[in-house]
């Protein structure tokens, strides 16, 4: 894996203007090189960053995935012959780019909003056999193409049927709740969830056909956590992430959105707020084309205020073993985001801060209530360290014991234990 010195470099590679309508963006990965990809977009579409999301425009997003990207901006009414000529110029520019590797090139097309189909690509692709696969957003290609095709259709698009291409691969995904330009961050149609799912599907489609780029996602994630918990280096941790990343600790709404905010969070609230004996014990790992899902135990002694996890609670000096789930999105060879989840109830139970019983403020079925001077209490359906033990070993404790829990009636004022 890359050294810390290499990791300290932020993603940067200048964009090159080839013609008025064609520009080339070298890969924005730490590897610095990757296969070529041609991105065709309509003129007039706002392809800038937008403050509503950290998701970058397509050119930067594909470059962060490790591709050398040639973007062609197509004017309305462009003919198929013009497309063929522009594709040839774009491919020549990629071939001259030192950081563009491999012989296979992918094609990603975002058509004009008024197109019932796309401009013809059949002749252009026949003339340029380096293009081995095509992805279309918003409509089917206008004709059968000589390469495998993936199509993403929004739910409000008229053409939502799946077509067959004899002898060729065609995969169609529809997004019923999305509008046409759901993948464009600056557009009113943008839908973060649909855009993320579509992008992952596009990667899964393109990588095998193009021979990559492939990255060791486990090594990238392990490197990131090593910088967090072992080296405790804010700079090195941040350098493993894309230009504008984010972290969301779901139970406590802590983390950071964007590089500046996340850097401050890591420095002031996370890396140096963890106990010295904090350790991660991996239970399971699922690796996808662009993300890792871990089940693990976060083990530590609560000897300081761990404000990202249990904010404001003074040290209790109790041992904690907490089941965690992390969903980590990796773009190329850098992290884009982390969604981290755990059960806050088991944390409080292990710290002795959550009573076994709490008042039940509602009437029972049928309207029954407690006798005069009494109150109803429910047994809080939360377990302590048993949650961690059973995650690591399914036989560590019995299942279903909480199913016997019931409301009880006690004199008012009794402690709920």
Foldseek 3Di string as FASTA:
>chain_A
DDDLVLLLDAFDDDKADDDPFKIKDFARESVRAEAAEEEEEEPPDDQQADPVAPQHGPRNLQSLLVHTYMYGYDYPPDAQVNVLVVVVSSVVVLVPDPRHDDQAYEYEYEADPPDLAHHACAVSCVVPVSHAEYEYAAHYHPDAHPHAYEYEHEQPRPPQDFDDDVPYHYHYDYHNVFDRPCLRNVDPRHDVVVNVVVVLVVLVVPCVRRVDDADDQVVLVVQLVCCQQPVLDLSSNLSLAHQWAWEAADPVRDIAGGSVRRSCCSVPQGSVQAANPWDKAWQDWDDGRFKIKTWIWTWDFQQAANCRQPNPDGGLRFIATWIKIWIWGHRNRGTRYIYIYTDSLQVCVRSVNDFQKDFDPDADPVRDAADPQKTKIWGDPDHYCVVRVCSNPVVPDDPDPCVPTDIDIDGPPDDRD
